[in-house]
Amino acid sequence: MKNRVEVQQYTTVKDDWNHETKTWAALHTVWAEKKYKNSQLVSEVEGLTHVVNVIFRIRFIDGITTKMRIKEGSNFYDIVGMKVLGNQEVLELITIERHGDSSS
């Protein structure tokens, strides 16, 4: 496991004036193994989008859900599924990364 990633959750925070704002917040910073699976071009409302399927393997952490995402550097990966491997030793996070296609 050589990639340092953040597991993030969309949450509500209060600013200096006590106003609530929705934002992504880091829950865990962990080491991960990253493996690209496949990619495809998908038609979405905004146009064509390049979707990449990426698997991250991390040490097991209880409570991670598909409402969370992975941040690696400046890249974000939506968690769409997960699988527990071994005796709750490893958690495999199935993610997708989207890139807009400027040529459309």
PDB file of N, CA and C in Angstrom:
ATOM      1  N   MET A   1       0.852  -1.172   0.000  1.00  0.00           N
ATOM      2  CA  MET A   1       0.000   0.000   0.000  1.00  0.00           C
ATOM      3  C   MET A   1       0.899   1.236   0.000  1.00  0.00           C
ATOM      4  N   LYS A   2       0.910   1.915  -1.144  1.00  0.00           N
ATOM      5  CA  LYS A   2       1.837   3.034  -1.262  1.00  0.00           C
ATOM      6  C   LYS A   2       1.178   4.369  -1.612  1.00  0.00           C
ATOM      7  N   ASN A   3      -0.156   4.386  -1.748  1.00  0.00           N
ATOM      8  CA  ASN A   3      -0.863   5.622  -2.066  1.00  0.00           C
ATOM      9  C   ASN A   3      -1.513   6.185  -0.802  1.00  0.00           C
ATOM     10  N   ARG A   4      -1.277   7.453  -0.520  1.00  0.00           N
ATOM     11  CA  ARG A   4      -1.894   8.107   0.641  1.00  0.00           C
ATOM     12  C   ARG A   4      -3.191   8.749   0.169  1.00  0.00           C
ATOM     13  N   VAL A   5      -4.331   8.356   0.765  1.00  0.00           N
ATOM     14  CA  VAL A   5      -5.641   8.849   0.341  1.00  0.00           C
ATOM     15  C   VAL A   5      -6.446   9.297   1.561  1.00  0.00           C
ATOM     16  N   GLU A   6      -7.462  10.116   1.289  1.00  0.00           N
ATOM     17  CA  GLU A   6      -8.409  10.538   2.317  1.00  0.00           C
ATOM     18  C   GLU A   6      -9.758   9.924   2.018  1.00  0.00           C
ATOM     19  N   VAL A   7     -10.423   9.417   3.044  1.00  0.00           N
ATOM     20  CA  VAL A   7     -11.826   9.037   2.934  1.00  0.00           C
ATOM     21  C   VAL A   7     -12.597  10.264   3.410  1.00  0.00           C
ATOM     22  N   GLN A   8     -13.496  10.777   2.543  1.00  0.00           N
ATOM     23  CA  GLN A   8     -14.230  11.998   2.867  1.00  0.00           C
ATOM     24  C   GLN A   8     -15.728  11.736   2.938  1.00  0.00           C
ATOM     25  N   GLN A   9     -16.405  12.572   3.738  1.00  0.00           N
ATOM     26  CA  GLN A   9     -17.861  12.485   3.884  1.00  0.00           C
ATOM     27  C   GLN A   9     -18.452  13.873   3.678  1.00  0.00           C
ATOM     28  N   TYR A  10     -19.585  13.931   2.969  1.00  0.00           N
ATOM     29  CA  TYR A  10     -20.292  15.196   2.758  1.00  0.00           C
ATOM     30  C   TYR A  10     -21.022  15.530   4.041  1.00  0.00           C
ATOM     31  N   THR A  11     -20.766  16.703   4.588  1.00  0.00           N
ATOM     32  CA  THR A  11     -21.287  17.025   5.903  1.00  0.00           C
ATOM     33  C   THR A  11     -21.625  18.507   6.006  1.00  0.00           C
ATOM     34  N   THR A  12     -22.261  18.883   7.080  1.00  0.00           N
ATOM     35  CA  THR A  12     -22.590  20.278   7.357  1.00  0.00           C
ATOM     36  C   THR A  12     -21.611  20.823   8.388  1.00  0.00           C
ATOM     37  N   VAL A  13     -21.030  21.993   8.086  1.00  0.00           N
ATOM     38  CA  VAL A  13     -20.129  22.658   9.034  1.00  0.00           C
ATOM     39  C   VAL A  13     -20.620  24.089   9.235  1.00  0.00           C
ATOM     40  N   LYS A  14     -20.213  24.690  10.335  1.00  0.00           N
ATOM     41  CA  LYS A  14     -20.574  26.082  10.624  1.00  0.00           C
ATOM     42  C   LYS A  14     -19.341  26.963  10.433  1.00  0.00           C
ATOM     43  N   ASP A  15     -19.558  28.120   9.786  1.00  0.00           N
ATOM     44  CA  ASP A  15     -18.452  29.047   9.573  1.00  0.00           C
ATOM     45  C   ASP A  15     -18.311  29.990  10.779  1.00  0.00           C
ATOM     46  N   ASP A  16     -17.441  30.996  10.652  1.00  0.00           N
ATOM     47  CA  ASP A  16     -17.182  31.933  11.751  1.00  0.00           C
ATOM     48  C   ASP A  16     -18.412  32.717  12.166  1.00  0.00           C
ATOM     49  N   TRP A  17     -19.397  32.865  11.280  1.00  0.00           N
ATOM     50  CA  TRP A  17     -20.622  33.600  11.577  1.00  0.00           C
ATOM     51  C   TRP A  17     -21.774  32.668  11.930  1.00  0.00           C
ATOM     52  N   ASN A  18     -21.455  31.397  12.186  1.00  0.00           N
ATOM     53  CA  ASN A  18     -22.419  30.380  12.596  1.00  0.00           C
ATOM     54  C   ASN A  18     -23.408  30.003  11.483  1.00  0.00           C
ATOM     55  N   HIS A  19     -23.036  30.253  10.228  1.00  0.00           N
ATOM     56  CA  HIS A  19     -23.851  29.832   9.091  1.00  0.00           C
ATOM     57  C   HIS A  19     -23.472  28.408   8.720  1.00  0.00           C
ATOM     58  N   GLU A  20     -24.482  27.596   8.413  1.00  0.00           N
ATOM     59  CA  GLU A  20     -24.220  26.211   8.022  1.00  0.00           C
ATOM     60  C   GLU A  20     -23.887  26.129   6.538  1.00  0.00           C
ATOM     61  N   THR A  21     -22.879  25.333   6.225  1.00  0.00           N
ATOM     62  CA  THR A  21     -22.440  25.120   4.849  1.00  0.00           C
ATOM     63  C   THR A  21     -22.204  23.638   4.641  1.00  0.00           C
ATOM     64  N   LYS A  22     -22.615  23.127   3.480  1.00  0.00           N
ATOM     65  CA  LYS A  22     -22.350  21.728   3.131  1.00  0.00           C
ATOM     66  C   LYS A  22     -20.968  21.658   2.471  1.00  0.00           C
ATOM     67  N   THR A  23     -20.163  20.696   2.882  1.00  0.00           N
ATOM     68  CA  THR A  23     -18.827  20.543   2.323  1.00  0.00           C
ATOM     69  C   THR A  23     -18.332  19.108   2.548  1.00  0.00           C
ATOM     70  N   TRP A  24     -17.277  18.748   1.816  1.00  0.00           N
ATOM     71  CA  TRP A  24     -16.635  17.453   2.028  1.00  0.00           C
ATOM     72  C   TRP A  24     -15.584  17.610   3.122  1.00  0.00           C
ATOM     73  N   ALA A  25     -15.602  16.695   4.090  1.00  0.00           N
ATOM     74  CA  ALA A  25     -14.654  16.727   5.205  1.00  0.00           C
ATOM     75  C   ALA A  25     -13.925  15.397   5.292  1.00  0.00           C
ATOM     76  N   ALA A  26     -12.646  15.461   5.640  1.00  0.00           N
ATOM     77  CA  ALA A  26     -11.827  14.249   5.776  1.00  0.00           C
ATOM     78  C   ALA A  26     -12.223  13.490   7.043  1.00  0.00           C
ATOM     79  N   LEU A  27     -12.452  12.178   6.879  1.00  0.00           N
ATOM     80  CA  LEU A  27     -12.734  11.299   8.026  1.00  0.00           C
ATOM     81  C   LEU A  27     -11.503  10.508   8.422  1.00  0.00           C
ATOM     82  N   HIS A  28     -10.827   9.955   7.406  1.00  0.00           N
ATOM     83  CA  HIS A  28      -9.650   9.114   7.643  1.00  0.00           C
ATOM     84  C   HIS A  28      -8.607   9.409   6.567  1.00  0.00           C
ATOM     85  N   THR A  29      -7.351   9.424   6.949  1.00  0.00           N
ATOM     86  CA  THR A  29      -6.251   9.468   5.992  1.00  0.00           C
ATOM     87  C   THR A  29      -5.515   8.137   6.139  1.00  0.00           C
ATOM     88  N   VAL A  30      -5.445   7.381   5.037  1.00  0.00           N
ATOM     89  CA  VAL A  30      -4.944   6.007   5.108  1.00  0.00           C
ATOM     90  C   VAL A  30      -4.031   5.701   3.923  1.00  0.00           C
ATOM     91  N   TRP A  31      -3.281   4.614   4.042  1.00  0.00           N
ATOM     92  CA  TRP A  31      -2.496   4.085   2.931  1.00  0.00           C
ATOM     93  C   TRP A  31      -3.387   3.141   2.136  1.00  0.00           C
ATOM     94  N   ALA A  32      -3.225   3.152   0.816  1.00  0.00           N
ATOM     95  CA  ALA A  32      -4.081   2.331  -0.039  1.00  0.00           C
ATOM     96  C   ALA A  32      -3.291   1.756  -1.202  1.00  0.00           C
ATOM     97  N   GLU A  33      -3.779   0.639  -1.696  1.00  0.00           N
ATOM     98  CA  GLU A  33      -3.312   0.058  -2.954  1.00  0.00           C
ATOM     99  C   GLU A  33      -4.340   0.457  -4.003  1.00  0.00           C
ATOM    100  N   LYS A  34      -3.882   0.980  -5.137  1.00  0.00           N
ATOM    101  CA  LYS A  34      -4.780   1.495  -6.174  1.00  0.00           C
ATOM    102  C   LYS A  34      -4.626   0.655  -7.430  1.00  0.00           C
ATOM    103  N   LYS A  35      -5.778   0.256  -8.013  1.00  0.00           N
ATOM    104  CA  LYS A  35      -5.755  -0.561  -9.225  1.00  0.00           C
ATOM    105  C   LYS A  35      -6.825  -0.062 -10.192  1.00  0.00           C
ATOM    106  N   TYR A  36      -6.399   0.299 -11.406  1.00  0.00           N
ATOM    107  CA  TYR A  36      -7.350   0.706 -12.439  1.00  0.00           C
ATOM    108  C   TYR A  36      -7.991  -0.535 -13.042  1.00  0.00           C
ATOM    109  N   LYS A  37      -9.318  -0.502 -13.203  1.00  0.00           N
ATOM    110  CA  LYS A  37     -10.027  -1.651 -13.768  1.00  0.00           C
ATOM    111  C   LYS A  37     -10.352  -1.431 -15.242  1.00  0.00           C
ATOM    112  N   ASN A  38     -11.162  -0.423 -15.570  1.00  0.00           N
ATOM    113  CA  ASN A  38     -11.524  -0.141 -16.954  1.00  0.00           C
ATOM    114  C   ASN A  38     -12.036   1.281 -17.056  1.00  0.00           C
ATOM    115  N   SER A  39     -12.287   1.724 -18.274  1.00  0.00           N
ATOM    116  CA  SER A  39     -12.840   3.057 -18.472  1.00  0.00           C
ATOM    117  C   SER A  39     -13.788   3.025 -19.655  1.00  0.00           C
ATOM    118  N   GLN A  40     -14.676   4.022 -19.703  1.00  0.00           N
ATOM    119  CA  GLN A  40     -15.641   4.103 -20.792  1.00  0.00           C
ATOM    120  C   GLN A  40     -16.088   5.548 -20.963  1.00  0.00           C
ATOM    121  N   LEU A  41     -16.602   5.854 -22.127  1.00  0.00           N
ATOM    122  CA  LEU A  41     -17.149   7.161 -22.421  1.00  0.00           C
ATOM    123  C   LEU A  41     -18.660   7.068 -22.250  1.00  0.00           C
ATOM    124  N   VAL A  42     -19.234   7.944 -21.386  1.00  0.00           N
ATOM    125  CA  VAL A  42     -20.650   7.880 -21.041  1.00  0.00           C
ATOM    126  C   VAL A  42     -21.309   9.205 -21.403  1.00  0.00           C
ATOM    127  N   SER A  43     -22.510   9.129 -21.960  1.00  0.00           N
ATOM    128  CA  SER A  43     -23.281  10.330 -22.280  1.00  0.00           C
ATOM    129  C   SER A  43     -24.077  10.746 -21.052  1.00  0.00           C
ATOM    130  N   GLU A  44     -23.830  11.968 -20.566  1.00  0.00           N
ATOM    131  CA  GLU A  44     -24.562  12.517 -19.429  1.00  0.00           C
ATOM    132  C   GLU A  44     -25.192  13.835 -19.858  1.00  0.00           C
ATOM    133  N   VAL A  45     -25.983  14.434 -19.009  1.00  0.00           N
ATOM    134  CA  VAL A  45     -26.697  15.668 -19.337  1.00  0.00           C
ATOM    135  C   VAL A  45     -25.735  16.754 -19.810  1.00  0.00           C
ATOM    136  N   GLU A  46     -24.572  16.873 -19.163  1.00  0.00           N
ATOM    137  CA  GLU A  46     -23.610  17.911 -19.498  1.00  0.00           C
ATOM    138  C   GLU A  46     -22.806  17.596 -20.757  1.00  0.00           C
ATOM    139  N   GLY A  47     -22.945  16.411 -21.304  1.00  0.00           N
ATOM    140  CA  GLY A  47     -22.174  15.998 -22.469  1.00  0.00           C
ATOM    141  C   GLY A  47     -21.506  14.660 -22.219  1.00  0.00           C
ATOM    142  N   LEU A  48     -20.470  14.377 -22.986  1.00  0.00           N
ATOM    143  CA  LEU A  48     -19.748  13.115 -22.818  1.00  0.00           C
ATOM    144  C   LEU A  48     -18.814  13.194 -21.612  1.00  0.00           C
ATOM    145  N   THR A  49     -18.778  12.119 -20.846  1.00  0.00           N
ATOM    146  CA  THR A  49     -17.925  12.033 -19.665  1.00  0.00           C
ATOM    147  C   THR A  49     -17.116  10.748 -19.728  1.00  0.00           C
ATOM    148  N   HIS A  50     -15.836  10.863 -19.455  1.00  0.00           N
ATOM    149  CA  HIS A  50     -14.962   9.698 -19.384  1.00  0.00           C
ATOM    150  C   HIS A  50     -15.028   9.167 -17.951  1.00  0.00           C
ATOM    151  N   VAL A  51     -15.475   7.935 -17.769  1.00  0.00           N
ATOM    152  CA  VAL A  51     -15.626   7.322 -16.450  1.00  0.00           C
ATOM    153  C   VAL A  51     -14.576   6.230 -16.295  1.00  0.00           C
ATOM    154  N   VAL A  52     -13.799   6.324 -15.213  1.00  0.00           N
ATOM    155  CA  VAL A  52     -12.743   5.349 -14.934  1.00  0.00           C
ATOM    156  C   VAL A  52     -13.114   4.586 -13.666  1.00  0.00           C
ATOM    157  N   ASN A  53     -13.102   3.263 -13.730  1.00  0.00           N
ATOM    158  CA  ASN A  53     -13.353   2.420 -12.554  1.00  0.00           C
ATOM    159  C   ASN A  53     -12.019   2.125 -11.875  1.00  0.00           C
ATOM    160  N   VAL A  54     -11.942   2.461 -10.591  1.00  0.00           N
ATOM    161  CA  VAL A  54     -10.705   2.303  -9.824  1.00  0.00           C
ATOM    162  C   VAL A  54     -11.025   1.574  -8.524  1.00  0.00           C
ATOM    163  N   ILE A  55     -10.176   0.616  -8.160  1.00  0.00           N
ATOM    164  CA  ILE A  55     -10.310  -0.129  -6.909  1.00  0.00           C
ATOM    165  C   ILE A  55      -9.234   0.370  -5.944  1.00  0.00           C
ATOM    166  N   PHE A  56      -9.640   0.703  -4.722  1.00  0.00           N
ATOM    167  CA  PHE A  56      -8.704   1.034  -3.654  1.00  0.00           C
ATOM    168  C   PHE A  56      -8.831  -0.032  -2.581  1.00  0.00           C
ATOM    169  N   ARG A  57      -7.709  -0.575  -2.152  1.00  0.00           N
ATOM    170  CA  ARG A  57      -7.696  -1.521  -1.023  1.00  0.00           C
ATOM    171  C   ARG A  57      -7.024  -0.834   0.151  1.00  0.00           C
ATOM    172  N   ILE A  58      -7.751  -0.813   1.285  1.00  0.00           N
ATOM    173  CA  ILE A  58      -7.245  -0.197   2.506  1.00  0.00           C
ATOM    174  C   ILE A  58      -7.411  -1.186   3.651  1.00  0.00           C
ATOM    175  N   ARG A  59      -6.748  -0.904   4.761  1.00  0.00           N
ATOM    176  CA  ARG A  59      -7.012  -1.711   5.946  1.00  0.00           C
ATOM    177  C   ARG A  59      -8.461  -1.479   6.358  1.00  0.00           C
ATOM    178  N   PHE A  60      -9.115  -2.502   6.890  1.00  0.00           N
ATOM    179  CA  PHE A  60     -10.535  -2.432   7.211  1.00  0.00           C
ATOM    180  C   PHE A  60     -10.825  -1.299   8.182  1.00  0.00           C
ATOM    181  N   ILE A  61     -11.830  -0.489   7.829  1.00  0.00           N
ATOM    182  CA  ILE A  61     -12.370   0.555   8.702  1.00  0.00           C
ATOM    183  C   ILE A  61     -13.884   0.378   8.686  1.00  0.00           C
ATOM    184  N   ASP A  62     -14.482   0.256   9.844  1.00  0.00           N
ATOM    185  CA  ASP A  62     -15.926   0.104   9.936  1.00  0.00           C
ATOM    186  C   ASP A  62     -16.605   1.447   9.694  1.00  0.00           C
ATOM    187  N   GLY A  63     -17.760   1.437   9.040  1.00  0.00           N
ATOM    188  CA  GLY A  63     -18.557   2.640   8.891  1.00  0.00           C
ATOM    189  C   GLY A  63     -18.423   3.355   7.556  1.00  0.00           C
ATOM    190  N   ILE A  64     -17.575   2.891   6.664  1.00  0.00           N
ATOM    191  CA  ILE A  64     -17.459   3.525   5.353  1.00  0.00           C
ATOM    192  C   ILE A  64     -18.667   3.127   4.513  1.00  0.00           C
ATOM    193  N   THR A  65     -19.254   4.119   3.803  1.00  0.00           N
ATOM    194  CA  THR A  65     -20.454   3.870   3.015  1.00  0.00           C
ATOM    195  C   THR A  65     -20.288   4.411   1.596  1.00  0.00           C
ATOM    196  N   THR A  66     -21.268   4.135   0.754  1.00  0.00           N
ATOM    197  CA  THR A  66     -21.252   4.617  -0.625  1.00  0.00           C
ATOM    198  C   THR A  66     -21.652   6.093  -0.719  1.00  0.00           C
ATOM    199  N   LYS A  67     -21.916   6.732   0.391  1.00  0.00           N
ATOM    200  CA  LYS A  67     -22.169   8.179   0.400  1.00  0.00           C
ATOM    201  C   LYS A  67     -20.874   8.957   0.582  1.00  0.00           C
ATOM    202  N   MET A  68     -19.760   8.254   0.647  1.00  0.00           N
ATOM    203  CA  MET A  68     -18.450   8.865   0.859  1.00  0.00           C
ATOM    204  C   MET A  68     -17.649   8.848  -0.440  1.00  0.00           C
ATOM    205  N   ARG A  69     -16.482   9.473  -0.409  1.00  0.00           N
ATOM    206  CA  ARG A  69     -15.603   9.478  -1.571  1.00  0.00           C
ATOM    207  C   ARG A  69     -14.158   9.389  -1.126  1.00  0.00           C
ATOM    208  N   ILE A  70     -13.297   9.108  -2.098  1.00  0.00           N
ATOM    209  CA  ILE A  70     -11.854   9.046  -1.874  1.00  0.00           C
ATOM    210  C   ILE A  70     -11.220  10.260  -2.533  1.00  0.00           C
ATOM    211  N   LYS A  71     -10.285  10.898  -1.846  1.00  0.00           N
ATOM    212  CA  LYS A  71      -9.494  11.980  -2.429  1.00  0.00           C
ATOM    213  C   LYS A  71      -8.043  11.524  -2.461  1.00  0.00           C
ATOM    214  N   GLU A  72      -7.442  11.606  -3.653  1.00  0.00           N
ATOM    215  CA  GLU A  72      -6.019  11.307  -3.799  1.00  0.00           C
ATOM    216  C   GLU A  72      -5.409  12.480  -4.561  1.00  0.00           C
ATOM    217  N   GLY A  73      -4.586  13.263  -3.882  1.00  0.00           N
ATOM    218  CA  GLY A  73      -4.050  14.466  -4.507  1.00  0.00           C
ATOM    219  C   GLY A  73      -5.190  15.402  -4.859  1.00  0.00           C
ATOM    220  N   SER A  74      -5.309  15.749  -6.142  1.00  0.00           N
ATOM    221  CA  SER A  74      -6.398  16.630  -6.581  1.00  0.00           C
ATOM    222  C   SER A  74      -7.511  15.839  -7.278  1.00  0.00           C
ATOM    223  N   ASN A  75      -7.460  14.513  -7.192  1.00  0.00           N
ATOM    224  CA  ASN A  75      -8.461  13.649  -7.833  1.00  0.00           C
ATOM    225  C   ASN A  75      -9.459  13.120  -6.806  1.00  0.00           C
ATOM    226  N   PHE A  76     -10.726  12.988  -7.274  1.00  0.00           N
ATOM    227  CA  PHE A  76     -11.802  12.511  -6.412  1.00  0.00           C
ATOM    228  C   PHE A  76     -12.455  11.288  -7.039  1.00  0.00           C
ATOM    229  N   TYR A  77     -12.789  10.302  -6.195  1.00  0.00           N
ATOM    230  CA  TYR A  77     -13.360   9.033  -6.630  1.00  0.00           C
ATOM    231  C   TYR A  77     -14.606   8.752  -5.795  1.00  0.00           C
ATOM    232  N   ASP A  78     -15.765   8.631  -6.442  1.00  0.00           N
ATOM    233  CA  ASP A  78     -17.011   8.301  -5.744  1.00  0.00           C
ATOM    234  C   ASP A  78     -17.021   6.819  -5.396  1.00  0.00           C
ATOM    235  N   ILE A  79     -17.303   6.500  -4.140  1.00  0.00           N
ATOM    236  CA  ILE A  79     -17.398   5.099  -3.718  1.00  0.00           C
ATOM    237  C   ILE A  79     -18.759   4.569  -4.161  1.00  0.00           C
ATOM    238  N   VAL A  80     -18.749   3.517  -4.980  1.00  0.00           N
ATOM    239  CA  VAL A  80     -20.000   2.942  -5.487  1.00  0.00           C
ATOM    240  C   VAL A  80     -20.244   1.530  -4.952  1.00  0.00           C
ATOM    241  N   GLY A  81     -19.262   0.963  -4.283  1.00  0.00           N
ATOM    242  CA  GLY A  81     -19.414  -0.367  -3.707  1.00  0.00           C
ATOM    243  C   GLY A  81     -18.205  -0.709  -2.860  1.00  0.00           C
ATOM    244  N   MET A  82     -18.317  -1.786  -2.115  1.00  0.00           N
ATOM    245  CA  MET A  82     -17.199  -2.222  -1.283  1.00  0.00           C
ATOM    246  C   MET A  82     -17.307  -3.711  -0.994  1.00  0.00           C
ATOM    247  N   LYS A  83     -16.151  -4.280  -0.660  1.00  0.00           N
ATOM    248  CA  LYS A  83     -16.094  -5.704  -0.358  1.00  0.00           C
ATOM    249  C   LYS A  83     -15.083  -5.910   0.770  1.00  0.00           C
ATOM    250  N   VAL A  84     -15.460  -6.671   1.778  1.00  0.00           N
ATOM    251  CA  VAL A  84     -14.562  -7.000   2.884  1.00  0.00           C
ATOM    252  C   VAL A  84     -13.786  -8.247   2.501  1.00  0.00           C
ATOM    253  N   LEU A  85     -12.460  -8.180   2.621  1.00  0.00           N
ATOM    254  CA  LEU A  85     -11.593  -9.312   2.278  1.00  0.00           C
ATOM    255  C   LEU A  85     -10.937  -9.856   3.540  1.00  0.00           C
ATOM    256  N   GLY A  86     -10.688 -11.156   3.540  1.00  0.00           N
ATOM    257  CA  GLY A  86     -10.071 -11.787   4.703  1.00  0.00           C
ATOM    258  C   GLY A  86     -11.023 -11.744   5.883  1.00  0.00           C
ATOM    259  N   ASN A  87     -10.470 -11.780   7.052  1.00  0.00           N
ATOM    260  CA  ASN A  87     -11.259 -11.739   8.289  1.00  0.00           C
ATOM    261  C   ASN A  87     -11.362 -10.283   8.744  1.00  0.00           C
ATOM    262  N   GLN A  88     -12.044  -9.455   7.963  1.00  0.00           N
ATOM    263  CA  GLN A  88     -12.155  -8.013   8.180  1.00  0.00           C
ATOM    264  C   GLN A  88     -10.780  -7.371   8.301  1.00  0.00           C
ATOM    265  N   GLU A  89      -9.851  -7.798   7.437  1.00  0.00           N
ATOM    266  CA  GLU A  89      -8.510  -7.227   7.433  1.00  0.00           C
ATOM    267  C   GLU A  89      -8.376  -6.134   6.387  1.00  0.00           C
ATOM    268  N   VAL A  90      -9.008  -6.346   5.226  1.00  0.00           N
ATOM    269  CA  VAL A  90      -8.879  -5.416   4.108  1.00  0.00           C
ATOM    270  C   VAL A  90     -10.269  -5.025   3.614  1.00  0.00           C
ATOM    271  N   LEU A  91     -10.407  -3.754   3.259  1.00  0.00           N
ATOM    272  CA  LEU A  91     -11.647  -3.262   2.671  1.00  0.00           C
ATOM    273  C   LEU A  91     -11.337  -2.817   1.248  1.00  0.00           C
ATOM    274  N   GLU A  92     -12.024  -3.422   0.295  1.00  0.00           N
ATOM    275  CA  GLU A  92     -11.858  -3.072  -1.106  1.00  0.00           C
ATOM    276  C   GLU A  92     -12.954  -2.073  -1.468  1.00  0.00           C
ATOM    277  N   LEU A  93     -12.546  -0.869  -1.875  1.00  0.00           N
ATOM    278  CA  LEU A  93     -13.487   0.185  -2.240  1.00  0.00           C
ATOM    279  C   LEU A  93     -13.559   0.271  -3.753  1.00  0.00           C
ATOM    280  N   ILE A  94     -14.750   0.069  -4.292  1.00  0.00           N
ATOM    281  CA  ILE A  94     -14.975   0.142  -5.727  1.00  0.00           C
ATOM    282  C   ILE A  94     -15.421   1.571  -6.017  1.00  0.00           C
ATOM    283  N   THR A  95     -14.661   2.281  -6.855  1.00  0.00           N
ATOM    284  CA  THR A  95     -14.924   3.696  -7.076  1.00  0.00           C
ATOM    285  C   THR A  95     -14.993   4.025  -8.563  1.00  0.00           C
ATOM    286  N   ILE A  96     -15.532   5.214  -8.847  1.00  0.00           N
ATOM    287  CA  ILE A  96     -15.489   5.745 -10.205  1.00  0.00           C
ATOM    288  C   ILE A  96     -14.949   7.167 -10.154  1.00  0.00           C
ATOM    289  N   GLU A  97     -14.202   7.493 -11.177  1.00  0.00           N
ATOM    290  CA  GLU A  97     -13.669   8.841 -11.356  1.00  0.00           C
ATOM    291  C   GLU A  97     -14.223   9.360 -12.672  1.00  0.00           C
ATOM    292  N   ARG A  98     -14.744  10.580 -12.663  1.00  0.00           N
ATOM    293  CA  ARG A  98     -15.337  11.157 -13.872  1.00  0.00           C
ATOM    294  C   ARG A  98     -14.483  12.320 -14.375  1.00  0.00           C
ATOM    295  N   HIS A  99     -14.316  12.374 -15.700  1.00  0.00           N
ATOM    296  CA  HIS A  99     -13.620  13.483 -16.361  1.00  0.00           C
ATOM    297  C   HIS A  99     -14.493  13.990 -17.484  1.00  0.00           C
ATOM    298  N   GLY A 100     -14.823  15.265 -17.493  1.00  0.00           N
ATOM    299  CA  GLY A 100     -15.593  15.842 -18.592  1.00  0.00           C
ATOM    300  C   GLY A 100     -14.777  15.825 -19.871  1.00  0.00           C
ATOM    301  N   ASP A 101     -15.454  15.615 -21.002  1.00  0.00           N
ATOM    302  CA  ASP A 101     -14.787  15.581 -22.304  1.00  0.00           C
ATOM    303  C   ASP A 101     -15.001  16.921 -22.999  1.00  0.00           C
ATOM    304  N   SER A 102     -13.946  17.719 -23.082  1.00  0.00           N
ATOM    305  CA  SER A 102     -14.066  19.070 -23.645  1.00  0.00           C
ATOM    306  C   SER A 102     -14.248  19.073 -25.155  1.00  0.00           C
ATOM    307  N   SER A 103     -14.106  17.916 -25.798  1.00  0.00           N
ATOM    308  CA  SER A 103     -14.232  17.866 -27.255  1.00  0.00           C
ATOM    309  C   SER A 103     -15.674  17.739 -27.711  1.00  0.00           C
ATOM    310  N   SER A 104     -16.625  17.584 -26.771  1.00  0.00           N
ATOM    311  CA  SER A 104     -18.030  17.406 -27.184  1.00  0.00           C
ATOM    312  C   SER A 104     -18.741  18.718 -27.343  1.00  0.00           C
TER     313      SER A 104
END
